[in-house]
PDB file of N, CA and C in Angstrom:
ATOM      1  N   MET A   1     -68.872  27.663 -21.936  1.00  0.00           N
ATOM      2  CA  MET A   1     -69.027  25.906 -22.306  1.00  0.00           C
ATOM      3  C   MET A   1     -68.102  25.798 -24.321  1.00  0.00           C
ATOM      4  N   VAL A   2     -66.856  25.968 -24.484  1.00  0.00           N
ATOM      5  CA  VAL A   2     -66.799  25.438 -25.867  1.00  0.00           C
ATOM      6  C   VAL A   2     -66.670  23.402 -25.982  1.00  0.00           C
ATOM      7  N   LEU A   3     -67.548  23.587 -27.469  1.00  0.00           N
ATOM      8  CA  LEU A   3     -67.743  22.310 -27.510  1.00  0.00           C
ATOM      9  C   LEU A   3     -66.366  22.196 -28.909  1.00  0.00           C
ATOM     10  N   GLU A   4     -65.606  20.766 -28.628  1.00  0.00           N
ATOM     11  CA  GLU A   4     -64.735  20.840 -29.384  1.00  0.00           C
ATOM     12  C   GLU A   4     -64.852  19.541 -30.664  1.00  0.00           C
ATOM     13  N   THR A   5     -64.987  19.902 -31.998  1.00  0.00           N
ATOM     14  CA  THR A   5     -65.458  18.972 -32.932  1.00  0.00           C
ATOM     15  C   THR A   5     -64.003  17.623 -32.530  1.00  0.00           C
ATOM     16  N   PRO A   6     -64.409  16.906 -32.848  1.00  0.00           N
ATOM     17  CA  PRO A   6     -63.836  15.358 -32.869  1.00  0.00           C
ATOM     18  C   PRO A   6     -63.063  15.255 -34.277  1.00  0.00           C
ATOM     19  N   PRO A   7     -61.659  15.008 -34.046  1.00  0.00           N
ATOM     20  CA  PRO A   7     -60.740  14.952 -35.075  1.00  0.00           C
ATOM     21  C   PRO A   7     -61.328  14.420 -36.124  1.00  0.00           C
ATOM     22  N   VAL A   8     -61.768  14.190 -37.501  1.00  0.00           N
ATOM     23  CA  VAL A   8     -61.847  13.443 -38.895  1.00  0.00           C
ATOM     24  C   VAL A   8     -60.570  12.283 -38.511  1.00  0.00           C
ATOM     25  N   PRO A   9     -61.108  11.290 -38.717  1.00  0.00           N
ATOM     26  CA  PRO A   9     -59.996  10.083 -38.605  1.00  0.00           C
ATOM     27  C   PRO A   9     -59.570   9.915 -40.382  1.00  0.00           C
ATOM     28  N   LEU A  10     -58.219   9.235 -40.553  1.00  0.00           N
ATOM     29  CA  LEU A  10     -57.750   9.332 -41.515  1.00  0.00           C
ATOM     30  C   LEU A  10     -58.075   8.348 -42.472  1.00  0.00           C
ATOM     31  N   ALA A  11     -58.003   8.337 -43.391  1.00  0.00           N
ATOM     32  CA  ALA A  11     -59.120   7.497 -44.318  1.00  0.00           C
ATOM     33  C   ALA A  11     -58.478   7.443 -45.907  1.00  0.00           C
ATOM     34  N   ILE A  12     -58.278   6.457 -46.594  1.00  0.00           N
ATOM     35  CA  ILE A  12     -57.970   6.690 -47.734  1.00  0.00           C
ATOM     36  C   ILE A  12     -59.100   6.782 -48.750  1.00  0.00           C
ATOM     37  N   ALA A  13     -58.940   7.812 -50.141  1.00  0.00           N
ATOM     38  CA  ALA A  13     -59.820   8.019 -50.493  1.00  0.00           C
ATOM     39  C   ALA A  13     -60.267   6.886 -51.330  1.00  0.00           C
ATOM     40  N   THR A  14     -58.678   6.570 -52.285  1.00  0.00           N
ATOM     41  CA  THR A  14     -58.358   5.944 -53.534  1.00  0.00           C
ATOM     42  C   THR A  14     -58.040   4.487 -53.400  1.00  0.00           C
ATOM     43  N   LYS A  15     -59.135   3.473 -54.011  1.00  0.00           N
ATOM     44  CA  LYS A  15     -59.143   2.456 -53.317  1.00  0.00           C
ATOM     45  C   LYS A  15     -59.220   1.356 -54.618  1.00  0.00           C
ATOM     46  N   GLY A  16     -59.016   0.084 -54.369  1.00  0.00           N
ATOM     47  CA  GLY A  16     -58.841  -0.981 -55.144  1.00  0.00           C
ATOM     48  C   GLY A  16     -58.342  -1.063 -56.827  1.00  0.00           C
ATOM     49  N   PHE A  17     -59.147  -0.970 -57.770  1.00  0.00           N
ATOM     50  CA  PHE A  17     -58.741  -0.886 -59.404  1.00  0.00           C
ATOM     51  C   PHE A  17     -58.362   0.738 -59.274  1.00  0.00           C
ATOM     52  N   LEU A  18     -57.065   0.751 -59.515  1.00  0.00           N
ATOM     53  CA  LEU A  18     -56.585   1.956 -60.691  1.00  0.00           C
ATOM     54  C   LEU A  18     -57.051   2.096 -62.033  1.00  0.00           C
ATOM     55  N   LEU A  19     -56.349   2.882 -62.428  1.00  0.00           N
ATOM     56  CA  LEU A  19     -56.644   3.658 -63.578  1.00  0.00           C
ATOM     57  C   LEU A  19     -55.646   2.508 -64.608  1.00  0.00           C
ATOM     58  N   SER A  20     -56.016   1.577 -65.585  1.00  0.00           N
ATOM     59  CA  SER A  20     -54.940   0.574 -66.357  1.00  0.00           C
ATOM     60  C   SER A  20     -53.803   1.195 -67.212  1.00  0.00           C
ATOM     61  N   ALA A  21     -52.679   0.842 -66.928  1.00  0.00           N
ATOM     62  CA  ALA A  21     -51.960   1.535 -68.281  1.00  0.00           C
ATOM     63  C   ALA A  21     -51.539   1.014 -69.100  1.00  0.00           C
ATOM     64  N   ARG A  22     -50.737   1.180 -69.848  1.00  0.00           N
ATOM     65  CA  ARG A  22     -50.906   1.172 -71.446  1.00  0.00           C
ATOM     66  C   ARG A  22     -49.287   1.172 -71.712  1.00  0.00           C
ATOM     67  N   LEU A  23     -48.469   0.108 -72.385  1.00  0.00           N
ATOM     68  CA  LEU A  23     -47.344  -0.027 -72.543  1.00  0.00           C
ATOM     69  C   LEU A  23     -46.914   1.159 -73.652  1.00  0.00           C
ATOM     70  N   GLY A  24     -45.877   2.081 -73.357  1.00  0.00           N
ATOM     71  CA  GLY A  24     -45.342   2.925 -73.844  1.00  0.00           C
ATOM     72  C   GLY A  24     -46.058   4.265 -73.945  1.00  0.00           C
ATOM     73  N   ASP A  25     -47.342   4.380 -72.913  1.00  0.00           N
ATOM     74  CA  ASP A  25     -47.391   5.589 -72.725  1.00  0.00           C
ATOM     75  C   ASP A  25     -47.176   6.109 -70.644  1.00  0.00           C
ATOM     76  N   HIS A  26     -46.788   7.584 -70.614  1.00  0.00           N
ATOM     77  CA  HIS A  26     -46.490   7.946 -69.203  1.00  0.00           C
ATOM     78  C   HIS A  26     -47.872   7.619 -68.822  1.00  0.00           C
ATOM     79  N   TYR A  27     -47.471   6.778 -67.169  1.00  0.00           N
ATOM     80  CA  TYR A  27     -48.510   7.155 -66.669  1.00  0.00           C
ATOM     81  C   TYR A  27     -48.577   7.639 -65.430  1.00  0.00           C
ATOM     82  N   THR A  28     -49.605   8.121 -64.642  1.00  0.00           N
ATOM     83  CA  THR A  28     -49.468   8.998 -63.940  1.00  0.00           C
ATOM     84  C   THR A  28     -50.664   8.802 -62.888  1.00  0.00           C
ATOM     85  N   TYR A  29     -50.917   8.715 -61.784  1.00  0.00           N
ATOM     86  CA  TYR A  29     -51.689   8.363 -60.834  1.00  0.00           C
ATOM     87  C   TYR A  29     -51.230   8.913 -59.363  1.00  0.00           C
ATOM     88  N   THR A  30     -52.651   9.976 -58.985  1.00  0.00           N
ATOM     89  CA  THR A  30     -52.183  10.521 -57.817  1.00  0.00           C
ATOM     90  C   THR A  30     -53.161  10.344 -56.924  1.00  0.00           C
ATOM     91  N   LEU A  31     -52.660   9.244 -55.550  1.00  0.00           N
ATOM     92  CA  LEU A  31     -53.476   8.739 -54.248  1.00  0.00           C
ATOM     93  C   LEU A  31     -54.167  10.232 -53.532  1.00  0.00           C
ATOM     94  N   GLU A  32     -55.113   9.334 -53.070  1.00  0.00           N
ATOM     95  CA  GLU A  32     -55.805  10.677 -52.446  1.00  0.00           C
ATOM     96  C   GLU A  32     -55.725  10.553 -50.918  1.00  0.00           C
ATOM     97  N   ALA A  33     -55.958  10.971 -50.134  1.00  0.00           N
ATOM     98  CA  ALA A  33     -56.179  10.675 -48.592  1.00  0.00           C
ATOM     99  C   ALA A  33     -56.502  12.015 -47.895  1.00  0.00           C
ATOM    100  N   SER A  34     -57.460  11.427 -46.272  1.00  0.00           N
ATOM    101  CA  SER A  34     -57.919  12.910 -46.221  1.00  0.00           C
ATOM    102  C   SER A  34     -58.492  12.876 -44.655  1.00  0.00           C
ATOM    103  N   GLY A  35     -58.837  13.238 -43.662  1.00  0.00           N
ATOM    104  CA  GLY A  35     -58.863  13.458 -42.320  1.00  0.00           C
ATOM    105  C   GLY A  35     -57.275  13.342 -41.596  1.00  0.00           C
ATOM    106  N   GLY A  36     -57.400  12.909 -40.648  1.00  0.00           N
ATOM    107  CA  GLY A  36     -56.091  12.675 -39.422  1.00  0.00           C
ATOM    108  C   GLY A  36     -55.767  13.862 -39.750  1.00  0.00           C
ATOM    109  N   THR A  37     -54.160  14.516 -39.343  1.00  0.00           N
ATOM    110  CA  THR A  37     -53.681  15.451 -38.906  1.00  0.00           C
ATOM    111  C   THR A  37     -52.384  15.602 -40.346  1.00  0.00           C
ATOM    112  N   PRO A  38     -52.507  16.618 -41.095  1.00  0.00           N
ATOM    113  CA  PRO A  38     -51.678  16.805 -41.750  1.00  0.00           C
ATOM    114  C   PRO A  38     -50.113  16.098 -41.947  1.00  0.00           C
ATOM    115  N   GLY A  39     -49.770  15.920 -42.938  1.00  0.00           N
ATOM    116  CA  GLY A  39     -48.225  15.302 -43.518  1.00  0.00           C
ATOM    117  C   GLY A  39     -48.201  13.948 -43.740  1.00  0.00           C
ATOM    118  N   TYR A  40     -49.065  13.779 -45.030  1.00  0.00           N
ATOM    119  CA  TYR A  40     -49.206  12.195 -45.106  1.00  0.00           C
ATOM    120  C   TYR A  40     -48.332  11.460 -45.927  1.00  0.00           C
ATOM    121  N   THR A  41     -47.609  10.559 -45.392  1.00  0.00           N
ATOM    122  CA  THR A  41     -46.341  10.278 -45.925  1.00  0.00           C
ATOM    123  C   THR A  41     -46.663   8.097 -46.684  1.00  0.00           C
ATOM    124  N   TRP A  42     -47.082   8.133 -47.478  1.00  0.00           N
ATOM    125  CA  TRP A  42     -47.428   6.810 -48.457  1.00  0.00           C
ATOM    126  C   TRP A  42     -46.236   6.087 -48.877  1.00  0.00           C
ATOM    127  N   ALA A  43     -46.760   4.479 -48.479  1.00  0.00           N
ATOM    128  CA  ALA A  43     -45.253   3.778 -48.415  1.00  0.00           C
ATOM    129  C   ALA A  43     -46.241   2.440 -49.116  1.00  0.00           C
ATOM    130  N   GLN A  44     -45.265   1.861 -50.048  1.00  0.00           N
ATOM    131  CA  GLN A  44     -46.074   0.157 -50.714  1.00  0.00           C
ATOM    132  C   GLN A  44     -45.834  -0.634 -49.207  1.00  0.00           C
ATOM    133  N   THR A  45     -46.546  -1.545 -48.945  1.00  0.00           N
ATOM    134  CA  THR A  45     -46.114  -2.196 -48.111  1.00  0.00           C
ATOM    135  C   THR A  45     -46.543  -4.097 -48.340  1.00  0.00           C
ATOM    136  N   VAL A  46     -47.100  -4.117 -49.608  1.00  0.00           N
ATOM    137  CA  VAL A  46     -47.019  -5.899 -50.201  1.00  0.00           C
ATOM    138  C   VAL A  46     -47.065  -5.810 -52.254  1.00  0.00           C
ATOM    139  N   GLY A  47     -46.618  -6.717 -52.252  1.00  0.00           N
ATOM    140  CA  GLY A  47     -46.596  -6.947 -53.574  1.00  0.00           C
ATOM    141  C   GLY A  47     -45.759  -6.054 -54.439  1.00  0.00           C
ATOM    142  N   GLU A  48     -46.329  -6.251 -55.425  1.00  0.00           N
ATOM    143  CA  GLU A  48     -45.210  -5.433 -56.635  1.00  0.00           C
ATOM    144  C   GLU A  48     -45.948  -4.343 -57.601  1.00  0.00           C
ATOM    145  N   LEU A  49     -45.501  -3.174 -57.781  1.00  0.00           N
ATOM    146  CA  LEU A  49     -45.786  -1.819 -59.076  1.00  0.00           C
ATOM    147  C   LEU A  49     -45.621  -2.595 -60.145  1.00  0.00           C
ATOM    148  N   PRO A  50     -46.403  -2.612 -60.810  1.00  0.00           N
ATOM    149  CA  PRO A  50     -45.941  -2.972 -62.774  1.00  0.00           C
ATOM    150  C   PRO A  50     -44.502  -2.780 -62.682  1.00  0.00           C
ATOM    151  N   PRO A  51     -43.651  -3.366 -63.541  1.00  0.00           N
ATOM    152  CA  PRO A  51     -42.307  -2.622 -64.184  1.00  0.00           C
ATOM    153  C   PRO A  51     -42.059  -1.542 -64.726  1.00  0.00           C
ATOM    154  N   GLY A  52     -41.339  -0.859 -64.122  1.00  0.00           N
ATOM    155  CA  GLY A  52     -41.725   0.854 -64.961  1.00  0.00           C
ATOM    156  C   GLY A  52     -42.041   1.672 -64.093  1.00  0.00           C
ATOM    157  N   LEU A  53     -42.945   1.182 -63.223  1.00  0.00           N
ATOM    158  CA  LEU A  53     -44.169   2.161 -62.272  1.00  0.00           C
ATOM    159  C   LEU A  53     -43.652   2.124 -60.947  1.00  0.00           C
ATOM    160  N   SER A  54     -43.165   3.153 -59.955  1.00  0.00           N
ATOM    161  CA  SER A  54     -42.778   3.668 -58.769  1.00  0.00           C
ATOM    162  C   SER A  54     -43.688   4.622 -58.008  1.00  0.00           C
ATOM    163  N   LEU A  55     -43.768   4.609 -56.823  1.00  0.00           N
ATOM    164  CA  LEU A  55     -44.571   5.371 -55.686  1.00  0.00           C
ATOM    165  C   LEU A  55     -43.294   6.511 -55.301  1.00  0.00           C
ATOM    166  N   SER A  56     -43.852   7.839 -55.885  1.00  0.00           N
ATOM    167  CA  SER A  56     -43.193   8.925 -55.124  1.00  0.00           C
ATOM    168  C   SER A  56     -44.232   9.901 -54.208  1.00  0.00           C
ATOM    169  N   GLY A  57     -44.025  10.020 -53.319  1.00  0.00           N
ATOM    170  CA  GLY A  57     -44.876  11.073 -52.342  1.00  0.00           C
ATOM    171  C   GLY A  57     -45.874   9.982 -52.768  1.00  0.00           C
ATOM    172  N   HIS A  58     -47.145  10.696 -53.220  1.00  0.00           N
ATOM    173  CA  HIS A  58     -48.503  10.089 -53.633  1.00  0.00           C
ATOM    174  C   HIS A  58     -49.144   9.744 -54.539  1.00  0.00           C
ATOM    175  N   THR A  59     -47.804  10.144 -55.336  1.00  0.00           N
ATOM    176  CA  THR A  59     -48.485   9.413 -57.054  1.00  0.00           C
ATOM    177  C   THR A  59     -47.671   8.643 -57.574  1.00  0.00           C
ATOM    178  N   ILE A  60     -48.177   7.326 -58.128  1.00  0.00           N
ATOM    179  CA  ILE A  60     -47.549   6.528 -58.752  1.00  0.00           C
ATOM    180  C   ILE A  60     -47.245   6.963 -60.328  1.00  0.00           C
ATOM    181  N   SER A  61     -46.105   6.696 -60.660  1.00  0.00           N
ATOM    182  CA  SER A  61     -45.719   7.328 -62.314  1.00  0.00           C
ATOM    183  C   SER A  61     -44.101   6.596 -63.079  1.00  0.00           C
ATOM    184  N   GLY A  62     -44.536   6.621 -64.229  1.00  0.00           N
ATOM    185  CA  GLY A  62     -43.420   6.054 -64.925  1.00  0.00           C
ATOM    186  C   GLY A  62     -43.425   5.672 -66.322  1.00  0.00           C
ATOM    187  N   TRP A  63     -42.978   5.324 -66.993  1.00  0.00           N
ATOM    188  CA  TRP A  63     -43.408   3.988 -68.388  1.00  0.00           C
ATOM    189  C   TRP A  63     -43.538   2.605 -68.219  1.00  0.00           C
ATOM    190  N   PRO A  64     -44.895   2.313 -68.077  1.00  0.00           N
ATOM    191  CA  PRO A  64     -45.034   0.764 -68.233  1.00  0.00           C
ATOM    192  C   PRO A  64     -44.161  -0.052 -68.940  1.00  0.00           C
ATOM    193  N   ALA A  65     -43.912  -1.520 -68.582  1.00  0.00           N
ATOM    194  CA  ALA A  65     -43.226  -1.797 -68.852  1.00  0.00           C
ATOM    195  C   ALA A  65     -43.464  -3.602 -68.838  1.00  0.00           C
ATOM    196  N   ALA A  66     -43.245  -4.530 -70.309  1.00  0.00           N
ATOM    197  CA  ALA A  66     -43.979  -5.861 -69.910  1.00  0.00           C
ATOM    198  C   ALA A  66     -42.573  -6.332 -68.921  1.00  0.00           C
ATOM    199  N   PRO A  67     -43.869  -7.455 -68.340  1.00  0.00           N
ATOM    200  CA  PRO A  67     -44.747  -8.391 -68.803  1.00  0.00           C
ATOM    201  C   PRO A  67     -46.677  -7.157 -68.611  1.00  0.00           C
ATOM    202  N   VAL A  68     -47.440  -7.731 -69.677  1.00  0.00           N
ATOM    203  CA  VAL A  68     -48.641  -7.328 -69.057  1.00  0.00           C
ATOM    204  C   VAL A  68     -49.222  -8.049 -68.236  1.00  0.00           C
ATOM    205  N   GLY A  69     -50.223  -7.628 -68.185  1.00  0.00           N
ATOM    206  CA  GLY A  69     -51.301  -8.333 -66.957  1.00  0.00           C
ATOM    207  C   GLY A  69     -51.702  -7.495 -65.643  1.00  0.00           C
ATOM    208  N   ASP A  70     -52.129  -8.254 -64.639  1.00  0.00           N
ATOM    209  CA  ASP A  70     -52.754  -7.566 -63.405  1.00  0.00           C
ATOM    210  C   ASP A  70     -51.209  -7.603 -62.222  1.00  0.00           C
ATOM    211  N   TYR A  71     -51.240  -6.587 -62.091  1.00  0.00           N
ATOM    212  CA  TYR A  71     -50.658  -6.046 -60.781  1.00  0.00           C
ATOM    213  C   TYR A  71     -51.149  -5.678 -59.275  1.00  0.00           C
ATOM    214  N   HIS A  72     -51.116  -6.411 -58.294  1.00  0.00           N
ATOM    215  CA  HIS A  72     -51.496  -6.111 -57.078  1.00  0.00           C
ATOM    216  C   HIS A  72     -50.268  -6.218 -56.111  1.00  0.00           C
ATOM    217  N   PHE A  73     -50.967  -4.928 -54.767  1.00  0.00           N
ATOM    218  CA  PHE A  73     -49.911  -4.151 -54.506  1.00  0.00           C
ATOM    219  C   PHE A  73     -51.068  -3.610 -53.377  1.00  0.00           C
ATOM    220  N   GLY A  74     -50.084  -3.534 -52.501  1.00  0.00           N
ATOM    221  CA  GLY A  74     -50.852  -2.965 -50.909  1.00  0.00           C
ATOM    222  C   GLY A  74     -50.100  -1.693 -50.827  1.00  0.00           C
ATOM    223  N   LEU A  75     -50.855  -0.735 -50.408  1.00  0.00           N
ATOM    224  CA  LEU A  75     -49.947   0.734 -49.561  1.00  0.00           C
ATOM    225  C   LEU A  75     -50.574   1.458 -48.165  1.00  0.00           C
ATOM    226  N   SER A  76     -49.916   1.674 -47.890  1.00  0.00           N
ATOM    227  CA  SER A  76     -50.200   2.595 -46.436  1.00  0.00           C
ATOM    228  C   SER A  76     -49.842   3.743 -46.898  1.00  0.00           C
ATOM    229  N   VAL A  77     -50.786   4.791 -46.013  1.00  0.00           N
ATOM    230  CA  VAL A  77     -50.142   6.440 -45.654  1.00  0.00           C
ATOM    231  C   VAL A  77     -50.720   6.348 -44.371  1.00  0.00           C
ATOM    232  N   THR A  78     -49.673   7.033 -43.714  1.00  0.00           N
ATOM    233  CA  THR A  78     -49.320   7.653 -42.657  1.00  0.00           C
ATOM    234  C   THR A  78     -49.388   9.150 -42.149  1.00  0.00           C
ATOM    235  N   ASP A  79     -50.231  10.063 -41.164  1.00  0.00           N
ATOM    236  CA  ASP A  79     -50.457  11.457 -41.209  1.00  0.00           C
ATOM    237  C   ASP A  79     -49.460  11.184 -40.132  1.00  0.00           C
ATOM    238  N   GLY A  80     -49.947  13.167 -39.726  1.00  0.00           N
ATOM    239  CA  GLY A  80     -48.437  13.418 -39.060  1.00  0.00           C
ATOM    240  C   GLY A  80     -48.879  12.892 -37.486  1.00  0.00           C
ATOM    241  N   ALA A  81     -49.662  12.295 -37.184  1.00  0.00           N
ATOM    242  CA  ALA A  81     -49.917  12.328 -35.797  1.00  0.00           C
ATOM    243  C   ALA A  81     -49.040  10.601 -35.784  1.00  0.00           C
ATOM    244  N   ALA A  82     -49.396  10.158 -36.780  1.00  0.00           N
ATOM    245  CA  ALA A  82     -48.830   8.340 -36.556  1.00  0.00           C
ATOM    246  C   ALA A  82     -50.073   7.384 -37.130  1.00  0.00           C
ATOM    247  N   ALA A  83     -51.025   7.858 -37.478  1.00  0.00           N
ATOM    248  CA  ALA A  83     -52.236   7.233 -37.786  1.00  0.00           C
ATOM    249  C   ALA A  83     -52.071   6.561 -38.795  1.00  0.00           C
ATOM    250  N   THR A  84     -52.414   5.509 -38.858  1.00  0.00           N
ATOM    251  CA  THR A  84     -51.799   4.681 -40.698  1.00  0.00           C
ATOM    252  C   THR A  84     -53.312   3.682 -41.559  1.00  0.00           C
ATOM    253  N   GLN A  85     -53.512   3.834 -42.067  1.00  0.00           N
ATOM    254  CA  GLN A  85     -54.276   3.153 -42.669  1.00  0.00           C
ATOM    255  C   GLN A  85     -53.853   2.790 -44.326  1.00  0.00           C
ATOM    256  N   THR A  86     -54.382   1.306 -44.601  1.00  0.00           N
ATOM    257  CA  THR A  86     -54.134   0.700 -45.631  1.00  0.00           C
ATOM    258  C   THR A  86     -55.058  -0.420 -46.693  1.00  0.00           C
ATOM    259  N   ALA A  87     -54.815  -0.160 -47.781  1.00  0.00           N
ATOM    260  CA  ALA A  87     -55.740  -0.903 -48.806  1.00  0.00           C
ATOM    261  C   ALA A  87     -54.846  -1.356 -49.835  1.00  0.00           C
ATOM    262  N   GLY A  88     -55.628  -2.183 -50.421  1.00  0.00           N
ATOM    263  CA  GLY A  88     -55.057  -3.509 -51.642  1.00  0.00           C
ATOM    264  C   GLY A  88     -55.721  -2.534 -53.112  1.00  0.00           C
ATOM    265  N   TYR A  89     -54.413  -2.687 -53.779  1.00  0.00           N
ATOM    266  CA  TYR A  89     -54.662  -1.994 -55.192  1.00  0.00           C
ATOM    267  C   TYR A  89     -54.071  -2.982 -56.525  1.00  0.00           C
ATOM    268  N   THR A  90     -54.864  -3.311 -57.460  1.00  0.00           N
ATOM    269  CA  THR A  90     -54.832  -3.324 -58.833  1.00  0.00           C
ATOM    270  C   THR A  90     -54.529  -2.127 -59.472  1.00  0.00           C
ATOM    271  N   ILE A  91     -53.003  -2.708 -60.612  1.00  0.00           N
ATOM    272  CA  ILE A  91     -52.944  -1.897 -62.196  1.00  0.00           C
ATOM    273  C   ILE A  91     -53.211  -2.929 -63.316  1.00  0.00           C
ATOM    274  N   HIS A  92     -53.738  -2.688 -64.004  1.00  0.00           N
ATOM    275  CA  HIS A  92     -53.732  -3.682 -65.179  1.00  0.00           C
ATOM    276  C   HIS A  92     -52.493  -2.999 -66.470  1.00  0.00           C
ATOM    277  N   VAL A  93     -51.661  -4.151 -66.489  1.00  0.00           N
ATOM    278  CA  VAL A  93     -51.075  -2.825 -67.745  1.00  0.00           C
ATOM    279  C   VAL A  93     -51.634  -4.109 -69.031  1.00  0.00           C
ATOM    280  N   ALA A  94     -51.882  -3.250 -70.137  1.00  0.00           N
ATOM    281  CA  ALA A  94     -52.121  -3.582 -71.516  1.00  0.00           C
ATOM    282  C   ALA A  94     -51.051  -3.551 -72.566  1.00  0.00           C
ATOM    283  N   THR A  95     -51.210  -3.899 -73.821  1.00  0.00           N
ATOM    284  CA  THR A  95     -50.828  -3.254 -74.913  1.00  0.00           C
ATOM    285  C   THR A  95     -51.043  -2.606 -75.550  1.00  0.00           C
ATOM    286  N   ASP A  96     -52.434  -2.388 -75.273  1.00  0.00           N
ATOM    287  CA  ASP A  96     -53.177  -1.511 -76.467  1.00  0.00           C
ATOM    288  C   ASP A  96     -54.406  -1.021 -76.026  1.00  0.00           C
ATOM    289  N   ILE A  97     -55.365   0.109 -76.573  1.00  0.00           N
ATOM    290  CA  ILE A  97     -56.238   0.295 -75.600  1.00  0.00           C
ATOM    291  C   ILE A  97     -57.734  -1.083 -75.481  1.00  0.00           C
ATOM    292  N   THR A  98     -57.478  -1.803 -76.623  1.00  0.00           N
ATOM    293  CA  THR A  98     -58.576  -2.518 -77.223  1.00  0.00           C
ATOM    294  C   THR A  98     -58.525  -3.637 -76.553  1.00  0.00           C
ATOM    295  N   SER A  99     -57.193  -3.599 -75.353  1.00  0.00           N
ATOM    296  CA  SER A  99     -56.747  -5.090 -74.261  1.00  0.00           C
ATOM    297  C   SER A  99     -57.046  -4.556 -73.111  1.00  0.00           C
ATOM    298  N   LEU A 100     -57.568  -3.136 -73.157  1.00  0.00           N
ATOM    299  CA  LEU A 100     -57.807  -2.853 -71.408  1.00  0.00           C
ATOM    300  C   LEU A 100     -59.346  -3.360 -71.207  1.00  0.00           C
ATOM    301  N   PRO A 101     -59.320  -3.339 -69.690  1.00  0.00           N
ATOM    302  CA  PRO A 101     -61.052  -4.125 -69.559  1.00  0.00           C
ATOM    303  C   PRO A 101     -61.550  -2.232 -69.567  1.00  0.00           C
ATOM    304  N   VAL A 102     -62.968  -2.928 -69.481  1.00  0.00           N
ATOM    305  CA  VAL A 102     -63.944  -1.769 -69.875  1.00  0.00           C
ATOM    306  C   VAL A 102     -64.272  -0.671 -68.744  1.00  0.00           C
ATOM    307  N   SER A 103     -64.012  -0.850 -67.358  1.00  0.00           N
ATOM    308  CA  SER A 103     -63.608  -0.143 -66.901  1.00  0.00           C
ATOM    309  C   SER A 103     -62.805   1.295 -67.260  1.00  0.00           C
ATOM    310  N   SER A 104     -61.870   0.731 -67.089  1.00  0.00           N
ATOM    311  CA  SER A 104     -60.515   1.699 -67.919  1.00  0.00           C
ATOM    312  C   SER A 104     -60.810   2.795 -69.031  1.00  0.00           C
ATOM    313  N   VAL A 105     -61.085   1.797 -69.952  1.00  0.00           N
ATOM    314  CA  VAL A 105     -62.192   2.202 -71.332  1.00  0.00           C
ATOM    315  C   VAL A 105     -63.048   3.760 -70.862  1.00  0.00           C
ATOM    316  N   ARG A 106     -63.844   3.580 -69.966  1.00  0.00           N
ATOM    317  CA  ARG A 106     -64.655   4.565 -69.787  1.00  0.00           C
ATOM    318  C   ARG A 106     -64.207   5.623 -68.771  1.00  0.00           C
ATOM    319  N   ARG A 107     -63.084   4.929 -67.892  1.00  0.00           N
ATOM    320  CA  ARG A 107     -62.449   6.269 -67.207  1.00  0.00           C
ATOM    321  C   ARG A 107     -61.591   6.759 -68.448  1.00  0.00           C
ATOM    322  N   LEU A 108     -60.848   6.541 -69.580  1.00  0.00           N
ATOM    323  CA  LEU A 108     -60.225   7.214 -70.327  1.00  0.00           C
ATOM    324  C   LEU A 108     -61.191   8.120 -70.802  1.00  0.00           C
ATOM    325  N   SER A 109     -62.554   8.254 -71.047  1.00  0.00           N
ATOM    326  CA  SER A 109     -63.216   8.892 -72.051  1.00  0.00           C
ATOM    327  C   SER A 109     -63.705  10.064 -71.198  1.00  0.00           C
ATOM    328  N   ASN A 110     -63.500   9.728 -69.714  1.00  0.00           N
ATOM    329  CA  ASN A 110     -63.812  10.877 -68.503  1.00  0.00           C
ATOM    330  C   ASN A 110     -62.544  11.157 -67.583  1.00  0.00           C
ATOM    331  N   ARG A 111     -61.653  11.598 -68.024  1.00  0.00           N
ATOM    332  CA  ARG A 111     -60.349  11.987 -66.803  1.00  0.00           C
ATOM    333  C   ARG A 111     -60.815  12.648 -65.238  1.00  0.00           C
ATOM    334  N   ARG A 112     -61.889  12.989 -65.292  1.00  0.00           N
ATOM    335  CA  ARG A 112     -62.111  14.253 -64.313  1.00  0.00           C
ATOM    336  C   ARG A 112     -62.875  13.223 -62.874  1.00  0.00           C
ATOM    337  N   ARG A 113     -62.063  11.908 -63.165  1.00  0.00           N
ATOM    338  CA  ARG A 113     -62.542  11.297 -61.807  1.00  0.00           C
ATOM    339  C   ARG A 113     -61.360  11.629 -60.719  1.00  0.00           C
ATOM    340  N   PRO A 114     -62.493  11.028 -59.530  1.00  0.00           N
ATOM    341  CA  PRO A 114     -60.923  10.970 -58.873  1.00  0.00           C
ATOM    342  C   PRO A 114     -59.326  10.197 -58.749  1.00  0.00           C
ATOM    343  N   GLY A 115     -59.090  10.453 -58.522  1.00  0.00           N
ATOM    344  CA  GLY A 115     -57.784   9.992 -58.424  1.00  0.00           C
ATOM    345  C   GLY A 115     -56.687  10.641 -59.364  1.00  0.00           C
ATOM    346  N   ARG A 116     -57.217  11.709 -60.078  1.00  0.00           N
ATOM    347  CA  ARG A 116     -56.922  12.492 -61.024  1.00  0.00           C
ATOM    348  C   ARG A 116     -55.266  11.993 -62.219  1.00  0.00           C
ATOM    349  N   TRP A 117     -56.084  11.481 -63.118  1.00  0.00           N
ATOM    350  CA  TRP A 117     -55.247  10.521 -63.577  1.00  0.00           C
ATOM    351  C   TRP A 117     -54.844  11.070 -65.159  1.00  0.00           C
ATOM    352  N   THR A 118     -53.742  11.182 -65.127  1.00  0.00           N
ATOM    353  CA  THR A 118     -53.459  12.054 -66.742  1.00  0.00           C
ATOM    354  C   THR A 118     -52.235  10.953 -67.754  1.00  0.00           C
ATOM    355  N   SER A 119     -52.295  11.278 -68.809  1.00  0.00           N
ATOM    356  CA  SER A 119     -51.587  10.865 -69.856  1.00  0.00           C
ATOM    357  C   SER A 119     -51.085  11.584 -70.914  1.00  0.00           C
ATOM    358  N   TRP A 120     -49.400  11.054 -71.208  1.00  0.00           N
ATOM    359  CA  TRP A 120     -49.278  11.874 -72.109  1.00  0.00           C
ATOM    360  C   TRP A 120     -48.904  11.040 -73.567  1.00  0.00           C
TER     361      TRP A 120
END
């Protein structure tokens, strides 16, 4: 008798508010999914990324441009077996660190959180 382990369903590990972006600073945020069948494809489904940022593969990156504020958008991930999951996101664009939400300032001091955020 052979017991087969059922496949782990596709899931998005990164959801909700992403790290805030600051005008003039390069922004990179790596999205993460798990489970499903290897071969993930990410796509923007609704809303708009902040001006200057784009989605390429599983990474949102670029140089944020004005206007500042909150940008709401949806992304989907599809695995190699065509299973799809979607989630909503927000990125806050600020002029400087003093105008960033407290949650982003905390994440700036601890860059080893999920999502692997980097800034140059």
